[in-house]
Amino acid sequence: DARLRFDPAWPELAAGSAIIQVDDGRSWAYAAAGRIYATAIENLRVRVLPVEGRAQLAIRAGLRGDAVDGHRLLRESPLAELTGNSFDSWSMDGPLRGTLALDMELGSGERRTEVDLQLQLERVAARMTALSLPVENLAGELRYRSGSGFAGTALSGTLWGQSVQATA
């Protein structure tokens, strides 16, 4: 069993087996399948390279699971601070798939982190409890990119029994 815990603030990545290559201070790992929380990871690729005296980590993975885990990632990882804790009052469940691209400097001190999280929502139930805002059958693409924030493409769902569409 391969496990990657690259930072205590981020959830552990687990894979049944992985190919790991180490060469002159550079490391690469590949796993066909794994898990983050209960969500399946597909095509996990990890790279650690020395850059200007620090280690630079790059993670790429496909995701397939439940929106509960996507929501958990938005609330319990450094994404919470990056998004201003916007999802603390939300709950979500239903199927999702997507991709995660994470680039970060490792080590102590101030570290640059770049995130590109793309999620395809399919029949997701999303509830903003503070506003009694229930959105059912939410579908479309939700994307978070460092520097530009959230964007939604072809988002649709049902709010208070009425069909709604949005692009953010």
Protein backbone atom coordinates (compact mmCIF):
# COMPACT_ATOMS: atom_id res chain seq x y z
CA ASP A 1 0.00 0.00 0.00
CA ALA A 2 1.40 3.36 -1.05
CA ARG A 3 0.43 6.45 0.95
CA LEU A 4 1.34 10.08 0.35
CA ARG A 5 1.01 12.62 3.15
CA PHE A 6 2.91 15.57 1.68
CA ASP A 7 1.54 18.19 4.09
CA PRO A 8 -0.51 17.83 7.30
CA ALA A 9 -3.09 20.36 6.02
CA TRP A 10 -3.94 18.25 2.96
CA PRO A 11 -5.66 14.85 3.06
CA GLU A 12 -3.64 11.69 2.57
CA LEU A 13 -3.57 10.07 -0.86
CA ALA A 14 -3.64 6.27 -0.80
CA ALA A 15 -2.94 3.81 -3.61
CA GLY A 16 -2.90 0.03 -3.64
CA SER A 17 0.36 0.02 -5.59
CA ALA A 18 2.55 2.63 -7.21
CA ILE A 19 5.60 2.89 -9.41
CA ILE A 20 8.18 5.19 -7.83
CA GLN A 21 11.35 6.46 -9.49
CA VAL A 22 14.08 8.43 -7.72
CA ASP A 23 16.97 9.95 -9.66
CA ASP A 24 19.47 12.56 -8.45
CA GLY A 25 17.09 14.41 -6.11
CA ARG A 26 14.11 14.08 -8.41
CA SER A 27 11.17 11.77 -7.71
CA TRP A 28 8.23 10.56 -9.75
CA ALA A 29 5.35 8.29 -8.78
CA TYR A 30 2.45 6.84 -10.73
CA ALA A 31 -0.58 4.88 -9.52
CA ALA A 32 -3.43 3.74 -11.75
CA ALA A 33 -5.92 3.87 -8.87
CA GLY A 34 -6.15 5.12 -5.31
CA ARG A 35 -8.28 7.07 -2.85
CA ILE A 36 -8.64 10.49 -1.28
CA TYR A 37 -11.20 10.19 1.50
CA ALA A 38 -13.72 7.74 -0.07
CA THR A 39 -13.29 9.18 -3.57
CA ALA A 40 -11.57 7.08 -6.22
CA ILE A 41 -8.40 8.52 -7.74
CA GLU A 42 -7.53 7.61 -11.31
CA ASN A 43 -4.21 8.08 -13.07
CA LEU A 44 -2.37 9.60 -10.07
CA ARG A 45 0.92 11.25 -11.02
CA VAL A 46 3.25 12.81 -8.47
CA ARG A 47 6.48 14.66 -9.20
CA VAL A 48 8.98 16.24 -6.78
CA LEU A 49 11.76 18.31 -8.31
CA PRO A 50 14.38 20.60 -6.77
CA VAL A 51 13.72 24.20 -7.83
CA GLU A 52 15.88 27.07 -6.56
CA GLY A 53 16.90 25.26 -3.38
CA ARG A 54 13.39 24.05 -2.53
CA ALA A 55 11.36 21.02 -3.47
CA GLN A 56 8.47 21.58 -5.87
CA LEU A 57 5.59 19.09 -5.65
CA ALA A 58 3.19 18.51 -8.54
CA ILE A 59 0.16 16.22 -8.25
CA ARG A 60 -2.23 15.37 -11.06
CA ALA A 61 -5.19 13.01 -10.64
CA GLY A 62 -8.63 12.16 -11.92
CA LEU A 63 -11.40 12.00 -9.30
CA ARG A 64 -14.65 10.00 -9.19
CA GLY A 65 -16.87 9.84 -6.13
CA ASP A 66 -19.50 11.66 -4.11
CA ALA A 67 -19.89 15.42 -3.76
CA VAL A 68 -19.63 14.89 0.02
CA ASP A 69 -15.89 14.37 -0.48
CA GLY A 70 -15.56 17.32 -2.88
CA HIS A 71 -17.27 19.48 -0.28
CA ARG A 72 -15.03 18.06 2.44
CA LEU A 73 -11.95 18.97 0.38
CA LEU A 74 -13.26 22.55 0.03
CA ARG A 75 -13.82 22.79 3.82
CA GLU A 76 -10.97 20.79 5.40
CA SER A 77 -7.95 21.53 3.22
CA PRO A 78 -6.08 24.76 2.45
CA LEU A 79 -8.78 25.34 -0.17
CA ALA A 80 -10.99 26.53 2.71
CA GLU A 81 -8.74 29.52 3.34
CA LEU A 82 -8.22 30.13 -0.39
CA THR A 83 -12.02 30.28 -0.88
CA GLY A 84 -12.67 32.41 2.22
CA ASN A 85 -14.41 29.47 3.94
CA SER A 86 -17.31 30.02 1.53
CA PHE A 87 -18.48 26.41 1.75
CA ASP A 88 -18.71 26.08 5.54
CA SER A 89 -22.47 26.62 5.53
CA TRP A 90 -23.12 24.31 2.56
CA SER A 91 -23.82 20.61 2.38
CA MET A 92 -23.58 18.56 -0.81
CA ASP A 93 -24.17 15.01 -1.94
CA GLY A 94 -24.45 13.21 -5.24
CA PRO A 95 -22.07 11.93 -7.92
CA LEU A 96 -19.13 13.94 -9.20
CA ARG A 97 -16.06 13.42 -11.29
CA GLY A 98 -13.19 15.72 -12.05
CA THR A 99 -9.50 16.45 -12.04
CA LEU A 100 -7.09 17.91 -9.52
CA ALA A 101 -3.84 19.67 -10.38
CA LEU A 102 -1.86 20.82 -7.34
CA ASP A 103 1.55 22.51 -7.44
CA MET A 104 3.22 23.58 -4.22
CA GLU A 105 6.57 24.31 -2.70
CA LEU A 106 7.55 21.99 0.13
CA GLY A 107 9.46 23.00 3.24
CA SER A 108 9.16 25.64 5.90
CA GLY A 109 8.38 29.29 5.48
CA GLU A 110 6.02 30.92 3.02
CA ARG A 111 5.02 28.54 0.26
CA ARG A 112 3.34 29.15 -3.06
CA THR A 113 0.43 26.82 -3.83
CA GLU A 114 -1.36 26.64 -7.17
CA VAL A 115 -4.62 24.68 -7.44
CA ASP A 116 -6.73 23.79 -10.45
CA LEU A 117 -9.76 21.75 -9.34
CA GLN A 118 -12.34 20.94 -12.00
CA LEU A 119 -15.53 19.12 -10.97
CA GLN A 120 -18.31 17.76 -13.16
CA LEU A 121 -21.50 17.70 -11.09
CA GLU A 122 -24.29 15.27 -11.95
CA ARG A 123 -27.59 15.32 -10.04
CA VAL A 124 -25.96 16.87 -6.95
CA ALA A 125 -28.04 18.14 -4.04
CA ALA A 126 -26.47 21.34 -2.66
CA ARG A 127 -27.90 23.13 0.36
CA MET A 128 -26.81 26.46 1.82
CA THR A 129 -28.27 26.06 5.28
CA ALA A 130 -27.76 29.67 6.42
CA LEU A 131 -30.07 30.93 3.65
CA SER A 132 -32.38 27.90 3.39
CA LEU A 133 -31.24 27.60 -0.22
CA PRO A 134 -31.79 24.03 -1.52
CA VAL A 135 -30.59 23.32 -5.07
CA GLU A 136 -31.51 19.87 -6.36
CA ASN A 137 -30.29 18.07 -9.48
CA LEU A 138 -27.32 20.45 -9.79
CA ALA A 139 -25.33 19.65 -12.93
CA GLY A 140 -22.52 21.30 -14.85
CA GLU A 141 -18.86 22.17 -14.39
CA LEU A 142 -17.50 23.92 -11.32
CA ARG A 143 -13.86 24.95 -11.43
CA TYR A 144 -11.52 26.56 -8.92
CA ARG A 145 -8.20 28.05 -10.06
CA SER A 146 -5.73 29.89 -7.86
CA GLY A 147 -5.62 33.51 -8.83
CA SER A 148 -8.98 33.58 -10.58
CA GLY A 149 -11.24 31.75 -8.09
CA PHE A 150 -14.43 29.90 -8.96
CA ALA A 151 -16.11 29.63 -12.33
CA GLY A 152 -19.14 27.65 -13.36
CA THR A 153 -20.05 26.45 -16.83
CA ALA A 154 -23.53 25.37 -17.89
CA LEU A 155 -24.73 25.03 -14.30
CA SER A 156 -28.36 23.99 -13.98
CA GLY A 157 -30.61 22.65 -11.28
CA THR A 158 -33.87 23.03 -9.44
CA LEU A 159 -34.43 25.72 -6.79
CA TRP A 160 -37.72 25.77 -4.87
CA GLY A 161 -39.26 23.57 -7.56
CA GLN A 162 -38.21 25.85 -10.45
CA SER A 163 -35.54 25.13 -13.09
CA VAL A 164 -32.55 27.48 -12.87
CA GLN A 165 -29.43 27.97 -14.98
CA ALA A 166 -26.31 29.91 -14.14
CA THR A 167 -22.83 30.69 -15.39
CA ALA A 168 -20.28 32.15 -13.03
